[in-house]
Amino acid sequence: MSIRLLTAAVLALGLSACATGPGAQHGTYSFGVWGDMPYKKAGDESKLPAVLQSINQSNIAFSIYDGDIKDGSSKCTDDIYTDAVKMFGTLVKPVVYVPGDNEWTDCHRTNNGGFDGLERLNHLRKIMFPTANSLGQTTMPLQHQGKLGEKYVENTRFSHGPVVFAGLNVPGSNNNVVLSAKECTNKSARTPAQCDASNAEYLERDAANVVWLEQTFQQAKDTGAQGVVLVIQADPGFDLPETEEVDESQQPRFNGYRNFVAQVIKQTEGFKGQVLLVHGDTHFFKVDKPLYSPAKLLPNLTRLQTFGSPSLHWVKVTVDAGSDQLFQIQPVIVRQP
């Protein structure tokens, strides 16, 4: 068993806080992270109410949903977005939504209805971000990188206690990068022009994400924050070199993440506090320190990978600025009726 797999088996992990500042005066609070649900084809609809009830009955201050409001082989029709807004509307506490690949990047697939993924992204920006506030029955104000209904409105930021939170549109399926003409048309309704547009969109959005990332860390430094939480949807290829012979992050299907991850590393190296990088996409709960390698750690960065269909559970993270621990991570296993 690798060091990181052993770490992932621990049900609670404390991360030492190095920074001090005004945020240290705030008390303890918890937030939830969840995503990759419900998937109709997996029979998740009957399980979802118990998850929502569990979140509502908890003592969290808010939750963050890290993408994939539907499965990857169903149609990207308008109702899936409005249904998701209704789902988030059943939560008593604020919920912050971060986009996933199933609701835009993968919509070009023929089994998704052969939609134009960029058109679906534009639609998502209008429907999933109706106001500048979070979703949920109780809302909280969010900073947005773009104006309502426009590019990068989905990149959000807010502070709570000693932590600065940022949600960024970094989805699965290689961050919307199309690697070849064969990939462009494989099981897809895309045209070559649409694939060229996807690659151009990636370059522009990746640059915007890096700016949002830099501004997030600068805000954390300026306010004396003890921690930064980054939430994306994609698994950017962290799981190898658990196998020493292969570095998964260097495989072609992950090259859409290399620049962003490099910038996360750079910003984390220049930050005295703790960084928690949260993502979904792979559907297995895991907590580890994947950077730089098993033999050399980036000590103040921890990765939290959340549950996903068909395992409908969520993760509770507790922030305690007044102790030697900043983040404590606990999986919440939801019992079905």
Protein backbone atom coordinates (compact mmCIF):
# COMPACT_ATOMS: atom_id res chain seq x y z
CA MET A 1 0.00 0.00 0.00
CA SER A 2 1.41 3.39 -0.95
CA ILE A 3 1.86 6.25 1.48
CA ARG A 4 -1.04 8.13 -0.09
CA LEU A 5 -3.41 5.15 -0.07
CA LEU A 6 -2.59 4.60 3.58
CA THR A 7 -3.34 8.28 4.24
CA ALA A 8 -6.65 8.00 2.39
CA ALA A 9 -7.75 5.22 4.73
CA VAL A 10 -7.68 7.59 7.68
CA LEU A 11 -11.16 8.87 8.41
CA ALA A 12 -10.04 12.20 9.78
CA LEU A 13 -6.95 14.17 8.89
CA GLY A 14 -5.58 17.19 10.69
CA LEU A 15 -3.55 19.69 8.73
CA SER A 16 -1.25 22.01 10.62
CA ALA A 17 -1.86 25.70 10.15
CA CYS A 18 1.21 27.85 9.66
CA ALA A 19 -0.23 31.30 9.06
CA THR A 20 -1.56 33.70 11.64
CA GLY A 21 -3.64 36.80 11.23
CA PRO A 22 -7.09 38.27 11.75
CA GLY A 23 -8.75 35.02 10.73
CA ALA A 24 -7.33 33.25 13.75
CA GLN A 25 -9.87 35.04 15.94
CA HIS A 26 -12.76 33.14 14.35
CA GLY A 27 -14.06 29.97 15.99
CA THR A 28 -14.71 26.49 14.68
CA TYR A 29 -17.08 25.79 11.80
CA SER A 30 -17.68 23.02 9.26
CA PHE A 31 -18.58 22.87 5.59
CA GLY A 32 -19.59 20.04 3.27
CA VAL A 33 -18.28 18.95 -0.13
CA TRP A 34 -20.14 16.65 -2.51
CA GLY A 35 -20.79 16.05 -6.20
CA ASP A 36 -21.09 13.58 -9.10
CA MET A 37 -24.76 12.90 -8.34
CA PRO A 38 -27.50 12.06 -9.10
CA TYR A 39 -26.89 9.72 -12.05
CA LYS A 40 -30.26 8.44 -13.26
CA LYS A 41 -28.77 5.46 -15.07
CA ALA A 42 -27.20 4.31 -11.80
CA GLY A 43 -30.53 4.54 -9.97
CA ASP A 44 -29.43 7.47 -7.85
CA GLU A 45 -32.78 9.26 -7.72
CA SER A 46 -34.06 7.03 -4.93
CA LYS A 47 -30.86 7.54 -2.92
CA LEU A 48 -30.54 11.30 -3.31
CA PRO A 49 -33.19 12.38 -0.75
CA ALA A 50 -31.22 10.72 2.06
CA VAL A 51 -28.09 12.65 1.04
CA LEU A 52 -29.92 15.96 1.00
CA GLN A 53 -31.54 15.16 4.35
CA SER A 54 -28.15 14.26 5.83
CA ILE A 55 -26.65 17.57 4.69
CA ASN A 56 -29.67 19.51 5.97
CA GLN A 57 -29.54 17.86 9.37
CA SER A 58 -25.82 18.54 9.81
CA ASN A 59 -24.31 21.56 11.50
CA ILE A 60 -22.34 22.76 8.47
CA ALA A 61 -22.26 26.45 7.60
CA PHE A 62 -22.47 25.79 3.82
CA SER A 63 -21.61 23.18 1.22
CA ILE A 64 -19.78 23.15 -2.09
CA TYR A 65 -20.83 20.90 -4.98
CA ASP A 66 -17.88 19.91 -7.17
CA GLY A 67 -19.63 19.19 -10.45
CA ASP A 68 -21.47 16.58 -12.55
CA ILE A 69 -25.17 17.15 -12.02
CA LYS A 70 -25.92 14.19 -14.33
CA ASP A 71 -24.22 11.09 -15.70
CA GLY A 72 -21.94 11.21 -18.72
CA SER A 73 -24.14 9.27 -21.12
CA SER A 74 -27.48 11.08 -20.86
CA LYS A 75 -28.76 14.03 -22.84
CA CYS A 76 -27.80 17.59 -21.97
CA THR A 77 -31.33 18.93 -22.25
CA ASP A 78 -32.41 22.14 -20.54
CA ASP A 79 -34.26 20.30 -17.78
CA ILE A 80 -31.10 18.85 -16.26
CA TYR A 81 -29.93 22.36 -15.30
CA THR A 82 -33.26 23.50 -13.92
CA ASP A 83 -33.60 20.21 -12.02
CA ALA A 84 -30.18 20.81 -10.47
CA VAL A 85 -31.18 24.31 -9.37
CA LYS A 86 -34.28 22.76 -7.77
CA MET A 87 -32.10 20.17 -6.02
CA PHE A 88 -29.83 22.85 -4.60
CA GLY A 89 -32.93 24.78 -3.57
CA THR A 90 -33.88 22.00 -1.15
CA LEU A 91 -30.77 22.68 0.93
CA VAL A 92 -31.33 24.89 3.95
CA LYS A 93 -27.76 26.21 4.06
CA PRO A 94 -25.93 27.96 1.21
CA VAL A 95 -24.49 25.77 -1.54
CA VAL A 96 -21.82 26.85 -4.04
CA TYR A 97 -21.87 25.12 -7.42
CA VAL A 98 -18.73 24.33 -9.45
CA PRO A 99 -19.28 23.04 -13.04
CA GLY A 100 -18.40 19.53 -14.16
CA ASP A 101 -17.72 17.93 -17.53
CA ASN A 102 -21.02 16.05 -17.77
CA GLU A 103 -22.99 19.28 -18.00
CA TRP A 104 -20.99 20.91 -20.79
CA THR A 105 -17.64 19.44 -21.89
CA ASP A 106 -19.14 16.05 -22.77
CA CYS A 107 -22.40 17.24 -24.27
CA HIS A 108 -21.00 16.82 -27.81
CA ARG A 109 -21.27 13.05 -27.45
CA THR A 110 -23.97 11.43 -29.55
CA ASN A 111 -25.42 9.72 -26.46
CA ASN A 112 -25.60 13.15 -24.82
CA GLY A 113 -27.69 14.49 -27.68
CA GLY A 114 -24.86 15.85 -29.84
CA PHE A 115 -25.01 19.35 -28.38
CA ASP A 116 -22.47 22.09 -28.92
CA GLY A 117 -20.52 22.02 -25.66
CA LEU A 118 -19.74 25.73 -25.75
CA GLU A 119 -23.41 26.56 -26.23
CA ARG A 120 -24.21 24.38 -23.21
CA LEU A 121 -21.54 26.21 -21.21
CA ASN A 122 -23.15 29.53 -22.06
CA HIS A 123 -26.54 28.11 -21.04
CA LEU A 124 -25.08 26.78 -17.78
CA ARG A 125 -23.69 30.20 -16.94
CA LYS A 126 -27.14 31.75 -17.23
CA ILE A 127 -29.14 29.07 -15.42
CA MET A 128 -26.80 27.87 -12.68
CA PHE A 129 -25.73 31.37 -11.61
CA PRO A 130 -28.99 33.34 -11.56
CA THR A 131 -27.70 35.87 -9.00
CA ALA A 132 -24.40 36.90 -7.48
CA ASN A 133 -25.28 34.92 -4.36
CA SER A 134 -24.91 31.22 -3.69
CA LEU A 135 -27.73 28.75 -4.25
CA GLY A 136 -29.73 27.23 -1.39
CA GLN A 137 -32.63 28.41 0.77
CA THR A 138 -30.19 30.55 2.73
CA THR A 139 -27.71 32.32 0.50
CA MET A 140 -24.37 34.05 0.91
CA PRO A 141 -22.69 36.61 -1.33
CA LEU A 142 -20.00 35.43 -3.75
CA GLN A 143 -17.34 37.17 -5.76
CA HIS A 144 -17.46 36.24 -9.45
CA GLN A 145 -14.73 36.57 -12.03
CA GLY A 146 -17.28 37.45 -14.73
CA LYS A 147 -20.56 39.30 -14.89
CA LEU A 148 -23.85 37.43 -14.53
CA GLY A 149 -24.57 35.33 -17.60
CA GLU A 150 -21.16 35.98 -19.11
CA LYS A 151 -17.77 34.27 -19.32
CA TYR A 152 -16.25 33.07 -16.05
CA VAL A 153 -19.21 33.96 -13.86
CA GLU A 154 -18.78 30.37 -12.66
CA ASN A 155 -15.42 31.17 -11.07
CA THR A 156 -16.36 32.18 -7.54
CA ARG A 157 -14.64 33.23 -4.34
CA PHE A 158 -15.62 33.95 -0.74
CA SER A 159 -14.06 34.02 2.70
CA HIS A 160 -15.31 32.33 5.84
CA GLY A 161 -13.35 32.68 9.06
CA PRO A 162 -9.63 32.17 8.43
CA VAL A 163 -10.06 30.55 5.01
CA VAL A 164 -10.43 31.88 1.47
CA PHE A 165 -12.47 29.61 -0.84
CA ALA A 166 -12.36 29.57 -4.64
CA GLY A 167 -14.36 27.55 -7.16
CA LEU A 168 -12.86 27.23 -10.64
CA ASN A 169 -14.18 25.80 -13.89
CA VAL A 170 -11.63 23.02 -14.44
CA PRO A 171 -13.73 20.07 -15.73
CA GLY A 172 -13.00 16.50 -16.64
CA SER A 173 -12.42 15.22 -20.15
CA ASN A 174 -9.00 16.87 -20.26
CA ASN A 175 -10.31 20.35 -19.46
CA ASN A 176 -12.05 20.56 -22.88
CA VAL A 177 -8.81 19.95 -24.82
CA VAL A 178 -9.26 17.98 -28.05
CA LEU A 179 -6.05 16.11 -28.88
CA SER A 180 -6.66 14.88 -32.42
CA ALA A 181 -9.03 14.72 -35.38
CA LYS A 182 -9.86 11.14 -34.40
CA GLU A 183 -10.78 12.17 -30.87
CA CYS A 184 -12.81 15.07 -32.24
CA THR A 185 -15.28 12.85 -34.08
CA ASN A 186 -15.19 9.67 -31.97
CA LYS A 187 -18.76 8.99 -30.77
CA SER A 188 -19.31 12.71 -31.24
CA ALA A 189 -21.41 15.11 -33.29
CA ARG A 190 -18.60 17.70 -33.31
CA THR A 191 -17.24 19.28 -36.45
CA PRO A 192 -13.53 20.14 -36.88
CA ALA A 193 -14.44 23.81 -36.46
CA GLN A 194 -16.13 23.07 -33.14
CA CYS A 195 -13.07 21.17 -31.93
CA ASP A 196 -10.87 24.10 -32.87
CA ALA A 197 -13.24 26.35 -30.93
CA SER A 198 -13.01 24.03 -27.92
CA ASN A 199 -9.23 24.23 -27.88
CA ALA A 200 -9.36 28.01 -28.17
CA GLU A 201 -11.89 28.10 -25.33
CA TYR A 202 -9.57 26.01 -23.16
CA LEU A 203 -6.63 28.36 -23.68
CA GLU A 204 -8.69 31.43 -22.82
CA ARG A 205 -10.36 29.85 -19.78
CA ASP A 206 -7.12 28.34 -18.49
CA ALA A 207 -5.53 31.80 -18.55
CA ALA A 208 -8.55 33.23 -16.72
CA ASN A 209 -8.37 30.42 -14.15
CA VAL A 210 -4.72 31.20 -13.44
CA VAL A 211 -5.59 34.86 -12.86
CA TRP A 212 -8.40 33.87 -10.47
CA LEU A 213 -6.03 31.52 -8.69
CA GLU A 214 -3.38 34.21 -8.28
CA GLN A 215 -5.94 36.70 -6.99
CA THR A 216 -7.26 34.14 -4.51
CA PHE A 217 -3.86 33.57 -2.95
CA GLN A 218 -3.14 37.29 -2.93
CA GLN A 219 -6.40 37.90 -1.06
CA ALA A 220 -5.44 35.18 1.41
CA LYS A 221 -2.08 36.83 2.03
CA ASP A 222 -3.56 40.33 2.28
CA THR A 223 -6.14 39.25 4.87
CA GLY A 224 -3.82 37.02 6.90
CA ALA A 225 -5.82 33.90 6.08
CA GLN A 226 -4.59 30.61 7.48
CA GLY A 227 -5.88 28.51 4.61
CA VAL A 228 -7.06 28.37 1.03
CA VAL A 229 -9.62 25.89 -0.31
CA LEU A 230 -9.64 25.34 -4.08
CA VAL A 231 -12.54 23.41 -5.60
CA ILE A 232 -12.52 22.03 -9.15
CA GLN A 233 -14.33 19.11 -10.75
CA ALA A 234 -11.57 17.29 -12.62
CA ASP A 235 -9.15 14.71 -11.35
CA PRO A 236 -6.04 16.21 -12.95
CA GLY A 237 -4.03 12.97 -12.89
CA PHE A 238 -2.72 12.79 -9.34
CA ASP A 239 -2.98 9.03 -8.78
CA LEU A 240 0.32 8.06 -10.36
CA PRO A 241 3.27 7.89 -9.70
CA GLU A 242 1.79 5.65 -7.01
CA THR A 243 2.94 3.22 -9.68
CA GLU A 244 6.54 4.29 -10.04
CA GLU A 245 6.94 3.37 -13.70
CA VAL A 246 4.21 5.70 -14.97
CA ASP A 247 3.35 9.30 -14.13
CA GLU A 248 -0.33 9.62 -15.00
CA SER A 249 -0.20 13.41 -15.02
CA GLN A 250 2.14 13.25 -18.02
CA GLN A 251 -0.19 11.12 -20.14
CA PRO A 252 -1.91 12.94 -23.02
CA ARG A 253 -5.41 12.73 -21.53
CA PHE A 254 -4.24 14.95 -18.66
CA ASN A 255 -2.27 17.58 -20.54
CA GLY A 256 -5.14 20.06 -20.23
CA TYR A 257 -4.37 20.34 -16.51
CA ARG A 258 -0.59 20.71 -16.46
CA ASN A 259 -0.44 24.49 -16.59
CA PHE A 260 -3.13 24.91 -13.93
CA VAL A 261 -1.51 22.37 -11.57
CA ALA A 262 1.87 24.04 -12.07
CA GLN A 263 0.33 27.33 -11.03
CA VAL A 264 -1.31 25.70 -7.99
CA ILE A 265 2.12 24.43 -6.99
CA LYS A 266 3.69 27.85 -7.48
CA GLN A 267 1.04 29.63 -5.43
CA THR A 268 1.12 27.01 -2.68
CA GLU A 269 4.90 27.26 -2.40
CA GLY A 270 4.56 31.00 -1.81
CA PHE A 271 1.82 30.66 0.84
CA LYS A 272 2.56 30.03 4.51
CA GLY A 273 -0.80 28.48 5.31
CA GLN A 274 -2.54 25.26 4.33
CA VAL A 275 -4.06 24.57 0.91
CA LEU A 276 -6.88 22.07 0.45
CA LEU A 277 -7.54 21.11 -3.19
CA VAL A 278 -10.98 19.48 -3.55
CA HIS A 279 -12.18 17.66 -6.66
CA GLY A 280 -14.62 14.98 -7.78
CA ASP A 281 -14.68 13.16 -11.14
CA THR A 282 -13.24 9.81 -10.00
CA HIS A 283 -16.01 9.01 -7.47
CA PHE A 284 -13.72 7.51 -4.80
CA PHE A 285 -13.12 9.20 -1.44
CA LYS A 286 -9.43 9.90 -1.00
CA VAL A 287 -7.26 12.18 1.10
CA ASP A 288 -3.57 12.40 0.30
CA LYS A 289 -0.60 14.61 -0.51
CA PRO A 290 -0.01 13.90 -4.21
CA LEU A 291 2.57 16.61 -4.92
CA TYR A 292 5.35 16.54 -5.78
CA SER A 293 5.86 12.77 -5.54
CA PRO A 294 5.72 10.01 -2.92
CA ALA A 295 9.36 10.71 -2.13
CA LYS A 296 9.09 14.51 -1.96
CA LEU A 297 6.04 16.21 -0.50
CA LEU A 298 4.62 19.65 -0.99
CA PRO A 299 3.78 19.67 2.72
CA ASN A 300 1.11 22.36 2.88
CA LEU A 301 -1.09 21.00 0.05
CA THR A 302 -3.64 18.24 0.61
CA ARG A 303 -5.96 16.72 -1.99
CA LEU A 304 -9.51 15.73 -1.07
CA GLN A 305 -11.33 13.63 -3.64
CA THR A 306 -15.07 13.35 -2.96
CA PHE A 307 -17.55 10.53 -3.33
CA GLY A 308 -19.68 10.09 -6.44
CA SER A 309 -22.30 7.86 -8.01
CA PRO A 310 -23.19 5.14 -7.15
CA SER A 311 -21.67 5.88 -3.72
CA LEU A 312 -23.90 8.75 -2.64
CA HIS A 313 -22.14 10.19 0.40
CA TRP A 314 -20.53 13.51 1.28
CA VAL A 315 -17.53 14.85 3.16
CA LYS A 316 -17.52 17.15 6.18
CA VAL A 317 -14.53 19.45 6.65
CA THR A 318 -14.07 21.23 9.97
CA VAL A 319 -12.01 24.40 10.24
CA ASP A 320 -10.60 25.21 13.67
CA ALA A 321 -8.38 28.27 13.67
CA GLY A 322 -7.88 28.18 17.42
CA SER A 323 -6.08 24.83 17.50
CA ASP A 324 -2.95 23.35 16.02
CA GLN A 325 -5.12 21.80 13.32
CA LEU A 326 -6.78 23.81 10.56
CA PHE A 327 -8.67 21.29 8.42
CA GLN A 328 -10.17 18.07 9.76
CA ILE A 329 -11.70 15.82 7.10
CA GLN A 330 -14.44 13.31 7.80
CA PRO A 331 -16.43 11.23 5.28
CA VAL A 332 -20.15 11.16 6.06
CA ILE A 333 -21.64 7.81 5.09
CA VAL A 334 -25.33 8.21 4.30
CA ARG A 335 -27.54 5.31 5.29
CA GLN A 336 -30.37 4.66 2.90
CA PRO A 337 -33.88 4.02 4.25
